[in-house]
Amino acid sequence: MSSDHLQVHVHDGAGTIVLNRPERRNALNRTLLADLAQALEDLRKEKRVRAIILTGKGSSFCSGMDLVEMRETAADDNRNELWGRDAQDYRDLMESMLRHPKPIIAAVNGPAVAGGAGLVLACDVVVATHSARFGLPEPLRGITAGVVSPLLVFRIGAGHAARLLMTAELVDSAEAERMGVYHELVAEDQLWVRSTQIAQTCARGAPEALQLTKRMLNEVIGEQLFTQLTAGAAISATARTTEAAEEGLAAFLEKREPKWP
């Protein structure tokens, strides 16, 4: 189940997935997205696993999509098709997490940004360290958080979501907890312990009951969510084709302020 970009462990009834690109702040490139989707499927089939913990290697949880890969795609003749596929793959990952029959606990060890924020929102329970900032800075890159936006509204409401999406601010862990993004804050050396405790607590419930509960929350109460994710993927892919995206990505990688067209 493990790969160069991902580490997977099974211990005491919990499956742990570790995003393993610390040198890139665990940015989601195509390989990591595919590996993460496969790991979730493998753990779904693993009878020993009653709950899943998702965390990141190093000082970041996940910095979002790999902007270097995104900019490289801009030089490809099939870039629109590739961007569309990338947005759809990310959208499908969010759906697979929401539909996953087992509880998923996010152990947020550092900043969770953009697509990384989406990973947090697709989890059922979130434990974070005090250094775990949260935000959607996509407008500063000339792109949109199309897939993450419906999840954000679903989890914390339209008011808080509008603030985060329009300002593109990164909020600290205390503010993220106040908004309801993070459910519990712990010291860094307690993150693994507390996440494991929550996984074990979830594992006390009947698997069928937990699966049905997730279906009630994410498919019945959130009946429009998957349709909204699809619309968001289309918006996200379209945003990547704009002049603003070209300038925003260039400015970010060149470490300068963007000059919007």
C-alpha atoms as a PDB file:
ATOM      1  CA  MET A   1       0.000   0.000   0.000  1.00  0.00           C
ATOM      2  CA  SER A   2       2.960   2.374   0.542  1.00  0.00           C
ATOM      3  CA  SER A   3       4.759   4.225  -2.270  1.00  0.00           C
ATOM      4  CA  ASP A   4       7.452   6.851  -2.743  1.00  0.00           C
ATOM      5  CA  HIS A   5       4.940   9.634  -2.014  1.00  0.00           C
ATOM      6  CA  LEU A   6       2.799   7.854   0.558  1.00  0.00           C
ATOM      7  CA  GLN A   7       3.293   5.723   3.665  1.00  0.00           C
ATOM      8  CA  VAL A   8       0.560   3.388   4.889  1.00  0.00           C
ATOM      9  CA  HIS A   9       0.570   1.518   8.200  1.00  0.00           C
ATOM     10  CA  VAL A  10      -1.946  -0.726   9.964  1.00  0.00           C
ATOM     11  CA  HIS A  11      -1.785  -0.927  13.756  1.00  0.00           C
ATOM     12  CA  ASP A  12      -4.336  -1.749  16.460  1.00  0.00           C
ATOM     13  CA  GLY A  13      -7.293  -1.564  14.118  1.00  0.00           C
ATOM     14  CA  ALA A  14      -6.314   1.780  12.585  1.00  0.00           C
ATOM     15  CA  GLY A  15      -4.943   2.401   9.121  1.00  0.00           C
ATOM     16  CA  THR A  16      -2.636   5.414   8.927  1.00  0.00           C
ATOM     17  CA  ILE A  17      -1.941   7.233   5.673  1.00  0.00           C
ATOM     18  CA  VAL A  18       1.030   9.620   5.718  1.00  0.00           C
ATOM     19  CA  LEU A  19       1.501  12.097   2.868  1.00  0.00           C
ATOM     20  CA  ASN A  20       5.232  11.792   2.197  1.00  0.00           C
ATOM     21  CA  ARG A  21       6.476  14.755   0.172  1.00  0.00           C
ATOM     22  CA  PRO A  22       7.849  16.911   3.010  1.00  0.00           C
ATOM     23  CA  GLU A  23      10.286  18.681   0.691  1.00  0.00           C
ATOM     24  CA  ARG A  24       7.241  20.045  -1.201  1.00  0.00           C
ATOM     25  CA  ARG A  25       5.081  20.509   1.908  1.00  0.00           C
ATOM     26  CA  ASN A  26       3.159  17.399   0.808  1.00  0.00           C
ATOM     27  CA  ALA A  27       1.799  19.095  -2.311  1.00  0.00           C
ATOM     28  CA  LEU A  28      -0.643  16.958  -4.274  1.00  0.00           C
ATOM     29  CA  ASN A  29       0.786  15.999  -7.638  1.00  0.00           C
ATOM     30  CA  ARG A  30      -0.874  13.468  -9.924  1.00  0.00           C
ATOM     31  CA  THR A  31       1.095  10.550  -8.522  1.00  0.00           C
ATOM     32  CA  LEU A  32       0.240  11.359  -4.914  1.00  0.00           C
ATOM     33  CA  LEU A  33      -3.449  11.830  -5.751  1.00  0.00           C
ATOM     34  CA  ALA A  34      -3.567   8.419  -7.433  1.00  0.00           C
ATOM     35  CA  ASP A  35      -1.659   6.769  -4.579  1.00  0.00           C
ATOM     36  CA  LEU A  36      -3.957   8.315  -1.983  1.00  0.00           C
ATOM     37  CA  ALA A  37      -7.059   7.121  -3.824  1.00  0.00           C
ATOM     38  CA  GLN A  38      -5.601   3.614  -4.024  1.00  0.00           C
ATOM     39  CA  ALA A  39      -4.619   3.585  -0.344  1.00  0.00           C
ATOM     40  CA  LEU A  40      -8.156   4.512   0.675  1.00  0.00           C
ATOM     41  CA  GLU A  41      -9.520   1.695  -1.472  1.00  0.00           C
ATOM     42  CA  ASP A  42      -7.022  -0.787  -0.026  1.00  0.00           C
ATOM     43  CA  LEU A  43      -7.929   0.186   3.534  1.00  0.00           C
ATOM     44  CA  ARG A  44     -11.616  -0.069   2.701  1.00  0.00           C
ATOM     45  CA  LYS A  45     -11.026  -3.736   1.894  1.00  0.00           C
ATOM     46  CA  GLU A  46      -8.736  -4.389   4.884  1.00  0.00           C
ATOM     47  CA  LYS A  47     -10.880  -6.060   7.537  1.00  0.00           C
ATOM     48  CA  ARG A  48      -8.387  -5.321  10.318  1.00  0.00           C
ATOM     49  CA  VAL A  49      -8.903  -1.587   9.799  1.00  0.00           C
ATOM     50  CA  ARG A  50     -11.874  -0.020  11.583  1.00  0.00           C
ATOM     51  CA  ALA A  51     -10.843   3.636  11.179  1.00  0.00           C
ATOM     52  CA  ILE A  52      -8.328   5.643   9.144  1.00  0.00           C
ATOM     53  CA  ILE A  53      -5.937   8.416  10.195  1.00  0.00           C
ATOM     54  CA  LEU A  54      -4.651  10.854   7.560  1.00  0.00           C
ATOM     55  CA  THR A  55      -1.624  13.021   8.320  1.00  0.00           C
ATOM     56  CA  GLY A  56       1.431  14.597   6.695  1.00  0.00           C
ATOM     57  CA  LYS A  57       5.173  14.056   6.955  1.00  0.00           C
ATOM     58  CA  GLY A  58       7.270  16.946   8.209  1.00  0.00           C
ATOM     59  CA  SER A  59       6.022  20.372   9.271  1.00  0.00           C
ATOM     60  CA  SER A  60       3.053  20.659   6.878  1.00  0.00           C
ATOM     61  CA  PHE A  61      -0.143  18.676   6.540  1.00  0.00           C
ATOM     62  CA  CYS A  62      -0.663  19.541   2.869  1.00  0.00           C
ATOM     63  CA  SER A  63      -0.009  22.706   0.862  1.00  0.00           C
ATOM     64  CA  GLY A  64      -2.577  21.866  -1.818  1.00  0.00           C
ATOM     65  CA  MET A  65      -2.094  21.123  -5.492  1.00  0.00           C
ATOM     66  CA  ASP A  66       1.446  20.998  -6.847  1.00  0.00           C
ATOM     67  CA  LEU A  67       1.708  24.417  -8.500  1.00  0.00           C
ATOM     68  CA  VAL A  68       4.955  23.493 -10.235  1.00  0.00           C
ATOM     69  CA  GLU A  69       3.204  20.614 -11.975  1.00  0.00           C
ATOM     70  CA  MET A  70       0.263  22.891 -12.733  1.00  0.00           C
ATOM     71  CA  ARG A  71       2.485  25.486 -14.380  1.00  0.00           C
ATOM     72  CA  GLU A  72       4.381  22.822 -16.347  1.00  0.00           C
ATOM     73  CA  THR A  73       1.033  21.626 -17.687  1.00  0.00           C
ATOM     74  CA  ALA A  74       0.477  25.104 -19.137  1.00  0.00           C
ATOM     75  CA  ALA A  75       3.153  24.309 -21.747  1.00  0.00           C
ATOM     76  CA  ASP A  76       1.389  21.115 -22.863  1.00  0.00           C
ATOM     77  CA  ASP A  77      -0.702  21.210 -26.040  1.00  0.00           C
ATOM     78  CA  ASN A  78      -3.368  19.175 -24.220  1.00  0.00           C
ATOM     79  CA  ARG A  79      -3.360  21.421 -21.160  1.00  0.00           C
ATOM     80  CA  ASN A  80      -7.107  22.037 -21.046  1.00  0.00           C
ATOM     81  CA  GLU A  81      -7.809  18.319 -21.105  1.00  0.00           C
ATOM     82  CA  LEU A  82      -5.160  17.670 -18.450  1.00  0.00           C
ATOM     83  CA  TRP A  83      -6.462  20.440 -16.193  1.00  0.00           C
ATOM     84  CA  GLY A  84      -9.970  19.081 -16.557  1.00  0.00           C
ATOM     85  CA  ARG A  85      -8.785  15.600 -15.662  1.00  0.00           C
ATOM     86  CA  ASP A  86      -6.810  16.909 -12.669  1.00  0.00           C
ATOM     87  CA  ALA A  87      -9.836  18.746 -11.290  1.00  0.00           C
ATOM     88  CA  GLN A  88     -12.022  15.679 -11.816  1.00  0.00           C
ATOM     89  CA  ASP A  89      -9.501  13.378 -10.109  1.00  0.00           C
ATOM     90  CA  TYR A  90      -9.403  15.650  -7.070  1.00  0.00           C
ATOM     91  CA  ARG A  91     -13.190  15.842  -7.021  1.00  0.00           C
ATOM     92  CA  ASP A  92     -13.377  12.031  -7.186  1.00  0.00           C
ATOM     93  CA  LEU A  93     -10.958  11.769  -4.260  1.00  0.00           C
ATOM     94  CA  MET A  94     -13.200  14.015  -2.166  1.00  0.00           C
ATOM     95  CA  GLU A  95     -16.194  11.839  -3.015  1.00  0.00           C
ATOM     96  CA  SER A  96     -14.322   8.637  -2.178  1.00  0.00           C
ATOM     97  CA  MET A  97     -13.475  10.026   1.258  1.00  0.00           C
ATOM     98  CA  LEU A  98     -17.030  11.162   1.905  1.00  0.00           C
ATOM     99  CA  ARG A  99     -18.449   7.816   0.771  1.00  0.00           C
ATOM    100  CA  HIS A 100     -15.778   5.744   2.517  1.00  0.00           C
ATOM    101  CA  PRO A 101     -17.445   3.248   4.869  1.00  0.00           C
ATOM    102  CA  LYS A 102     -14.898   3.802   7.645  1.00  0.00           C
ATOM    103  CA  PRO A 103     -14.378   6.921   9.787  1.00  0.00           C
ATOM    104  CA  ILE A 104     -11.482   9.081   8.604  1.00  0.00           C
ATOM    105  CA  ILE A 105      -9.631  11.189  11.160  1.00  0.00           C
ATOM    106  CA  ALA A 106      -7.448  14.085   9.994  1.00  0.00           C
ATOM    107  CA  ALA A 107      -4.353  14.483  12.171  1.00  0.00           C
ATOM    108  CA  VAL A 108      -3.370  17.965  11.025  1.00  0.00           C
ATOM    109  CA  ASN A 109       0.300  18.385  11.904  1.00  0.00           C
ATOM    110  CA  GLY A 110       0.829  21.754  10.214  1.00  0.00           C
ATOM    111  CA  PRO A 111      -0.698  24.140   7.673  1.00  0.00           C
ATOM    112  CA  ALA A 112      -3.601  22.732   5.629  1.00  0.00           C
ATOM    113  CA  VAL A 113      -3.953  24.956   2.604  1.00  0.00           C
ATOM    114  CA  ALA A 114      -6.007  24.962  -0.621  1.00  0.00           C
ATOM    115  CA  GLY A 115      -6.379  21.347  -1.775  1.00  0.00           C
ATOM    116  CA  GLY A 116      -4.941  20.299   1.585  1.00  0.00           C
ATOM    117  CA  ALA A 117      -7.774  22.163   3.271  1.00  0.00           C
ATOM    118  CA  GLY A 118     -10.132  20.073   1.160  1.00  0.00           C
ATOM    119  CA  LEU A 119      -8.581  16.873   2.491  1.00  0.00           C
ATOM    120  CA  VAL A 120      -9.305  18.080   6.023  1.00  0.00           C
ATOM    121  CA  LEU A 121     -12.901  18.945   5.175  1.00  0.00           C
ATOM    122  CA  ALA A 122     -13.492  15.523   3.608  1.00  0.00           C
ATOM    123  CA  CYS A 123     -12.533  13.818   6.885  1.00  0.00           C
ATOM    124  CA  ASP A 124     -15.061  13.003   9.599  1.00  0.00           C
ATOM    125  CA  VAL A 125     -13.098  14.117  12.665  1.00  0.00           C
ATOM    126  CA  VAL A 126     -10.258  16.635  12.760  1.00  0.00           C
ATOM    127  CA  VAL A 127      -7.526  16.922  15.389  1.00  0.00           C
ATOM    128  CA  ALA A 128      -4.908  19.626  14.818  1.00  0.00           C
ATOM    129  CA  THR A 129      -1.782  21.018  16.407  1.00  0.00           C
ATOM    130  CA  HIS A 130      -1.506  24.655  17.421  1.00  0.00           C
ATOM    131  CA  SER A 131       0.688  25.350  14.374  1.00  0.00           C
ATOM    132  CA  ALA A 132      -1.943  24.051  11.944  1.00  0.00           C
ATOM    133  CA  ARG A 133      -3.080  27.088   9.985  1.00  0.00           C
ATOM    134  CA  PHE A 134      -5.958  26.739   7.521  1.00  0.00           C
ATOM    135  CA  GLY A 135      -6.962  28.646   4.428  1.00  0.00           C
ATOM    136  CA  LEU A 136      -7.932  28.896   0.763  1.00  0.00           C
ATOM    137  CA  PRO A 137      -5.372  31.196  -0.935  1.00  0.00           C
ATOM    138  CA  GLU A 138      -6.396  30.271  -4.488  1.00  0.00           C
ATOM    139  CA  PRO A 139      -7.489  33.815  -5.519  1.00  0.00           C
ATOM    140  CA  LEU A 140      -3.932  34.974  -4.794  1.00  0.00           C
ATOM    141  CA  ARG A 141      -2.786  32.438  -7.428  1.00  0.00           C
ATOM    142  CA  GLY A 142      -5.432  33.497  -9.957  1.00  0.00           C
ATOM    143  CA  ILE A 143      -7.392  30.256  -9.552  1.00  0.00           C
ATOM    144  CA  THR A 144     -10.450  29.109  -7.598  1.00  0.00           C
ATOM    145  CA  ALA A 145     -11.188  26.613  -4.831  1.00  0.00           C
ATOM    146  CA  GLY A 146     -13.995  25.160  -6.920  1.00  0.00           C
ATOM    147  CA  VAL A 147     -14.076  21.662  -5.451  1.00  0.00           C
ATOM    148  CA  VAL A 148     -13.326  22.693  -1.881  1.00  0.00           C
ATOM    149  CA  SER A 149     -15.969  25.450  -1.728  1.00  0.00           C
ATOM    150  CA  PRO A 150     -19.042  23.170  -1.468  1.00  0.00           C
ATOM    151  CA  LEU A 151     -17.324  21.120   1.243  1.00  0.00           C
ATOM    152  CA  LEU A 152     -16.417  24.274   3.141  1.00  0.00           C
ATOM    153  CA  VAL A 153     -20.013  25.524   3.095  1.00  0.00           C
ATOM    154  CA  PHE A 154     -21.257  22.053   4.056  1.00  0.00           C
ATOM    155  CA  ARG A 155     -18.970  21.889   7.086  1.00  0.00           C
ATOM    156  CA  ILE A 156     -19.011  25.434   8.484  1.00  0.00           C
ATOM    157  CA  GLY A 157     -21.754  27.419   6.710  1.00  0.00           C
ATOM    158  CA  ALA A 158     -21.850  30.039   3.978  1.00  0.00           C
ATOM    159  CA  GLY A 159     -20.856  32.991   6.162  1.00  0.00           C
ATOM    160  CA  HIS A 160     -17.527  31.626   7.384  1.00  0.00           C
ATOM    161  CA  ALA A 161     -16.913  30.100   3.957  1.00  0.00           C
ATOM    162  CA  ALA A 162     -17.378  33.446   2.190  1.00  0.00           C
ATOM    163  CA  ARG A 163     -14.882  35.098   4.512  1.00  0.00           C
ATOM    164  CA  LEU A 164     -12.217  32.450   3.912  1.00  0.00           C
ATOM    165  CA  LEU A 165     -12.779  32.247   0.155  1.00  0.00           C
ATOM    166  CA  MET A 166     -12.951  35.987  -0.539  1.00  0.00           C
ATOM    167  CA  THR A 167     -10.113  37.158   1.694  1.00  0.00           C
ATOM    168  CA  ALA A 168      -7.806  34.198   0.922  1.00  0.00           C
ATOM    169  CA  GLU A 169      -6.495  34.592   4.478  1.00  0.00           C
ATOM    170  CA  LEU A 170      -4.811  31.808   6.387  1.00  0.00           C
ATOM    171  CA  VAL A 171      -6.356  31.602   9.849  1.00  0.00           C
ATOM    172  CA  ASP A 172      -4.595  30.195  12.875  1.00  0.00           C
ATOM    173  CA  SER A 173      -5.614  26.949  14.531  1.00  0.00           C
ATOM    174  CA  ALA A 174      -7.670  28.650  17.253  1.00  0.00           C
ATOM    175  CA  GLU A 175      -9.765  30.488  14.659  1.00  0.00           C
ATOM    176  CA  ALA A 176     -10.154  27.318  12.587  1.00  0.00           C
ATOM    177  CA  GLU A 177     -11.407  25.542  15.710  1.00  0.00           C
ATOM    178  CA  ARG A 178     -13.823  28.395  16.471  1.00  0.00           C
ATOM    179  CA  MET A 179     -15.250  28.119  12.957  1.00  0.00           C
ATOM    180  CA  GLY A 180     -15.701  24.378  13.348  1.00  0.00           C
ATOM    181  CA  VAL A 181     -13.067  23.281  10.835  1.00  0.00           C
ATOM    182  CA  TYR A 182     -10.856  21.774  13.532  1.00  0.00           C
ATOM    183  CA  HIS A 183     -12.674  19.872  16.245  1.00  0.00           C
ATOM    184  CA  GLU A 184      -9.859  19.638  18.771  1.00  0.00           C
ATOM    185  CA  LEU A 185      -6.419  21.207  19.277  1.00  0.00           C
ATOM    186  CA  VAL A 186      -3.542  19.345  20.909  1.00  0.00           C
ATOM    187  CA  ALA A 187       0.164  19.765  21.501  1.00  0.00           C
ATOM    188  CA  GLU A 188       2.354  18.490  18.675  1.00  0.00           C
ATOM    189  CA  ASP A 189       3.637  15.546  20.706  1.00  0.00           C
ATOM    190  CA  GLN A 190       0.060  14.482  21.479  1.00  0.00           C
ATOM    191  CA  LEU A 191      -1.302  14.493  17.926  1.00  0.00           C
ATOM    192  CA  TRP A 192      -0.649  10.830  17.164  1.00  0.00           C
ATOM    193  CA  VAL A 193      -1.816   9.683  20.601  1.00  0.00           C
ATOM    194  CA  ARG A 194      -5.069  11.627  20.443  1.00  0.00           C
ATOM    195  CA  SER A 195      -5.799  10.630  16.834  1.00  0.00           C
ATOM    196  CA  THR A 196      -5.285   6.975  17.735  1.00  0.00           C
ATOM    197  CA  GLN A 197      -7.597   7.340  20.723  1.00  0.00           C
ATOM    198  CA  ILE A 198     -10.328   8.752  18.501  1.00  0.00           C
ATOM    199  CA  ALA A 199      -9.818   5.955  15.958  1.00  0.00           C
ATOM    200  CA  GLN A 200     -10.166   3.383  18.726  1.00  0.00           C
ATOM    201  CA  THR A 201     -13.278   5.114  20.045  1.00  0.00           C
ATOM    202  CA  CYS A 202     -14.849   5.018  16.582  1.00  0.00           C
ATOM    203  CA  ALA A 203     -13.886   1.349  16.259  1.00  0.00           C
ATOM    204  CA  ARG A 204     -16.113   0.503  19.232  1.00  0.00           C
ATOM    205  CA  GLY A 205     -19.160   1.122  17.045  1.00  0.00           C
ATOM    206  CA  ALA A 206     -20.626  -1.436  14.670  1.00  0.00           C
ATOM    207  CA  PRO A 207     -19.070  -1.040  11.182  1.00  0.00           C
ATOM    208  CA  GLU A 208     -22.472  -1.180   9.490  1.00  0.00           C
ATOM    209  CA  ALA A 209     -23.848   1.503  11.818  1.00  0.00           C
ATOM    210  CA  LEU A 210     -20.899   3.810  11.130  1.00  0.00           C
ATOM    211  CA  GLN A 211     -21.225   3.333   7.386  1.00  0.00           C
ATOM    212  CA  LEU A 212     -24.931   4.113   7.479  1.00  0.00           C
ATOM    213  CA  THR A 213     -24.269   7.159   9.640  1.00  0.00           C
ATOM    214  CA  LYS A 214     -21.784   8.523   7.098  1.00  0.00           C
ATOM    215  CA  ARG A 215     -24.285   7.902   4.323  1.00  0.00           C
ATOM    216  CA  MET A 216     -26.962   9.778   6.272  1.00  0.00           C
ATOM    217  CA  LEU A 217     -24.672  12.746   6.885  1.00  0.00           C
ATOM    218  CA  ASN A 218     -22.991  13.029   3.497  1.00  0.00           C
ATOM    219  CA  GLU A 219     -25.589  11.627   1.092  1.00  0.00           C
ATOM    220  CA  VAL A 220     -28.953  12.350   2.742  1.00  0.00           C
ATOM    221  CA  ILE A 221     -28.362  15.579   4.653  1.00  0.00           C
ATOM    222  CA  GLY A 222     -25.760  16.604   2.077  1.00  0.00           C
ATOM    223  CA  GLU A 223     -27.864  15.383  -0.847  1.00  0.00           C
ATOM    224  CA  GLN A 224     -26.634  18.073  -3.269  1.00  0.00           C
ATOM    225  CA  LEU A 225     -22.994  17.832  -2.239  1.00  0.00           C
ATOM    226  CA  PHE A 226     -21.725  15.496  -4.964  1.00  0.00           C
ATOM    227  CA  THR A 227     -23.455  17.490  -7.702  1.00  0.00           C
ATOM    228  CA  GLN A 228     -21.864  20.640  -6.293  1.00  0.00           C
ATOM    229  CA  LEU A 229     -18.435  18.990  -6.278  1.00  0.00           C
ATOM    230  CA  THR A 230     -18.839  18.208  -9.982  1.00  0.00           C
ATOM    231  CA  ALA A 231     -19.782  21.817 -10.751  1.00  0.00           C
ATOM    232  CA  GLY A 232     -16.856  22.981  -8.653  1.00  0.00           C
ATOM    233  CA  ALA A 233     -14.433  20.790 -10.619  1.00  0.00           C
ATOM    234  CA  ALA A 234     -15.602  22.392 -13.864  1.00  0.00           C
ATOM    235  CA  ILE A 235     -15.122  25.884 -12.405  1.00  0.00           C
ATOM    236  CA  SER A 236     -11.689  24.968 -11.079  1.00  0.00           C
ATOM    237  CA  ALA A 237     -10.553  23.590 -14.439  1.00  0.00           C
ATOM    238  CA  THR A 238     -11.838  26.680 -16.261  1.00  0.00           C
ATOM    239  CA  ALA A 239     -10.031  29.022 -13.863  1.00  0.00           C
ATOM    240  CA  ARG A 240      -6.704  27.375 -14.688  1.00  0.00           C
ATOM    241  CA  THR A 241      -7.031  28.390 -18.358  1.00  0.00           C
ATOM    242  CA  THR A 242      -7.227  32.132 -17.629  1.00  0.00           C
ATOM    243  CA  GLU A 243      -4.576  34.855 -17.924  1.00  0.00           C
ATOM    244  CA  ALA A 244      -5.025  35.476 -14.209  1.00  0.00           C
ATOM    245  CA  ALA A 245      -3.979  31.904 -13.446  1.00  0.00           C
ATOM    246  CA  GLU A 246      -0.916  32.223 -15.663  1.00  0.00           C
ATOM    247  CA  GLU A 247       0.156  35.390 -13.864  1.00  0.00           C
ATOM    248  CA  GLY A 248      -0.783  34.152 -10.397  1.00  0.00           C
ATOM    249  CA  LEU A 249       1.165  30.910 -10.685  1.00  0.00           C
ATOM    250  CA  ALA A 250       4.174  32.696 -12.179  1.00  0.00           C
ATOM    251  CA  ALA A 251       4.162  35.276  -9.385  1.00  0.00           C
ATOM    252  CA  PHE A 252       3.924  32.599  -6.698  1.00  0.00           C
ATOM    253  CA  LEU A 253       6.794  30.550  -8.107  1.00  0.00           C
ATOM    254  CA  GLU A 254       8.895  33.678  -8.693  1.00  0.00           C
ATOM    255  CA  LYS A 255       8.119  34.886  -5.150  1.00  0.00           C
ATOM    256  CA  ARG A 256       6.686  38.265  -6.207  1.00  0.00           C
ATOM    257  CA  GLU A 257       3.359  40.065  -6.083  1.00  0.00           C
ATOM    258  CA  PRO A 258       1.046  39.283  -9.028  1.00  0.00           C
ATOM    259  CA  LYS A 259       0.155  41.933 -11.604  1.00  0.00           C
ATOM    260  CA  TRP A 260      -3.414  41.110 -12.559  1.00  0.00           C
ATOM    261  CA  PRO A 261      -4.460  41.603 -16.194  1.00  0.00           C
END
